[in-house]
Amino acid sequence: MGTVAIENIETGMVLASDVRDRSGRMLLGAGAELTQKHLVIFRTWGILEADIEGQGSNDAAGQIPADVDPLELAAAEQALAPLFRHTNLNHPVIIELLRLAALRKVQHVTL
């Protein structure tokens, strides 16, 4: 099991744990196979990620959308690195924040 960002979740994937909204209300139980309707509901309720069966915890962080060139992503990370110079670049949160910022930068440029 591993946490996967909502934009990387596809129909047919199976939940490894319950999905709950911010107030703790259960939206969908563990073991459910996801449909397009479920993904719309998750987005409506502000769900940003879900625990998916068969996904390693490192797999989720390494996934990039199919329309993003890994070389462009690496270049964007290099360009953004000076903005993170006063942070601990080995901290998992900072690593993920830099990855997401670079991903956003690449996707914004290609739009």
Protein backbone atom coordinates (compact mmCIF):
# COMPACT_ATOMS: atom_id res chain seq x y z
CA MET A 1 0.00 0.00 0.00
CA GLY A 2 1.02 3.56 -0.62
CA THR A 3 -0.36 7.03 -0.72
CA VAL A 4 -1.05 8.27 -4.25
CA ALA A 5 -1.93 11.85 -5.22
CA ILE A 6 -5.48 12.23 -6.56
CA GLU A 7 -4.22 13.32 -10.00
CA ASN A 8 -2.32 10.02 -10.31
CA ILE A 9 -5.21 7.78 -9.24
CA GLU A 10 -6.92 5.86 -12.03
CA THR A 11 -10.22 4.04 -12.21
CA GLY A 12 -9.92 0.39 -11.29
CA MET A 13 -7.42 0.98 -8.48
CA VAL A 14 -8.39 -0.47 -5.09
CA LEU A 15 -8.35 1.46 -1.81
CA ALA A 16 -6.06 0.05 0.87
CA SER A 17 -7.69 2.12 3.63
CA ASP A 18 -10.83 4.19 4.19
CA VAL A 19 -11.05 7.64 2.60
CA ARG A 20 -12.39 10.27 4.99
CA ASP A 21 -13.14 13.95 4.53
CA ARG A 22 -11.63 16.68 6.71
CA SER A 23 -14.24 16.23 9.41
CA GLY A 24 -13.63 12.47 9.58
CA ARG A 25 -16.74 11.36 7.69
CA MET A 26 -16.05 8.22 5.70
CA LEU A 27 -16.50 8.75 1.96
CA LEU A 28 -15.45 5.29 0.76
CA GLY A 29 -14.28 2.17 2.56
CA ALA A 30 -11.11 0.16 2.16
CA GLY A 31 -11.24 -2.50 -0.56
CA ALA A 32 -13.46 -0.48 -2.88
CA GLU A 33 -12.54 -0.42 -6.57
CA LEU A 34 -12.44 3.18 -7.72
CA THR A 35 -14.67 4.51 -10.47
CA GLN A 36 -14.70 7.90 -12.19
CA LYS A 37 -17.61 8.89 -9.93
CA HIS A 38 -15.49 8.21 -6.84
CA LEU A 39 -12.69 10.41 -8.17
CA VAL A 40 -15.15 13.26 -8.79
CA ILE A 41 -16.47 12.90 -5.23
CA PHE A 42 -12.93 12.93 -3.82
CA ARG A 43 -12.13 16.14 -5.68
CA THR A 44 -15.43 17.69 -4.55
CA TRP A 45 -14.65 16.96 -0.91
CA GLY A 46 -11.04 18.15 -1.16
CA ILE A 47 -9.35 14.77 -0.95
CA LEU A 48 -5.75 15.22 -2.15
CA GLU A 49 -4.52 11.62 -1.89
CA ALA A 50 -5.60 8.09 -1.09
CA ASP A 51 -3.96 4.91 0.13
CA ILE A 52 -3.96 2.51 -2.83
CA GLU A 53 -3.28 -1.24 -2.73
CA GLY A 54 -0.17 -2.40 -4.53
CA GLN A 55 1.53 0.99 -4.42
CA GLY A 56 4.75 1.20 -2.43
CA SER A 57 5.28 4.35 -0.40
CA ASN A 58 8.25 5.25 -2.62
CA ASP A 59 6.28 4.51 -5.79
CA ALA A 60 3.83 7.33 -5.16
CA ALA A 61 6.52 9.97 -4.77
CA GLY A 62 8.31 8.78 -7.91
CA GLN A 63 5.26 8.91 -10.16
CA ILE A 64 5.01 11.71 -12.64
CA PRO A 65 2.16 12.29 -15.07
CA ALA A 66 2.65 10.80 -18.54
CA ASP A 67 2.62 14.24 -20.19
CA VAL A 68 5.67 15.44 -18.21
CA ASP A 69 9.18 14.91 -19.58
CA PRO A 70 11.51 13.73 -16.76
CA LEU A 71 14.33 15.88 -18.17
CA GLU A 72 12.12 18.99 -18.03
CA LEU A 73 11.15 18.10 -14.47
CA ALA A 74 14.80 17.78 -13.46
CA ALA A 75 15.59 21.13 -15.10
CA ALA A 76 12.69 22.76 -13.26
CA GLU A 77 13.95 21.34 -9.95
CA GLN A 78 17.40 22.80 -10.67
CA ALA A 79 15.84 26.19 -11.48
CA LEU A 80 13.80 26.17 -8.25
CA ALA A 81 16.62 24.93 -6.00
CA PRO A 82 17.84 28.46 -5.11
CA LEU A 83 14.41 29.21 -3.63
CA PHE A 84 14.94 26.33 -1.20
CA ARG A 85 18.52 27.25 -0.22
CA HIS A 86 17.61 28.01 3.40
CA THR A 87 15.86 24.69 3.95
CA ASN A 88 17.00 21.16 4.72
CA LEU A 89 16.93 19.60 1.24
CA ASN A 90 17.17 16.14 2.81
CA HIS A 91 13.89 16.50 4.73
CA PRO A 92 11.09 14.42 3.14
CA VAL A 93 8.60 17.29 3.22
CA ILE A 94 11.00 19.68 1.52
CA ILE A 95 11.88 17.04 -1.08
CA GLU A 96 8.20 16.55 -1.88
CA LEU A 97 7.51 20.30 -1.89
CA LEU A 98 10.35 20.88 -4.36
CA ARG A 99 9.10 18.00 -6.53
CA LEU A 100 5.55 19.39 -6.57
CA ALA A 101 6.75 22.92 -7.32
CA ALA A 102 8.85 21.64 -10.23
CA LEU A 103 5.96 19.55 -11.51
CA ARG A 104 3.68 22.59 -11.36
CA LYS A 105 6.28 24.71 -13.15
CA VAL A 106 6.65 22.16 -15.97
CA GLN A 107 2.90 21.70 -16.37
CA HIS A 108 2.29 25.47 -16.34
CA VAL A 109 4.84 26.06 -19.09
CA THR A 110 3.37 23.32 -21.33
CA LEU A 111 -0.19 24.62 -20.99
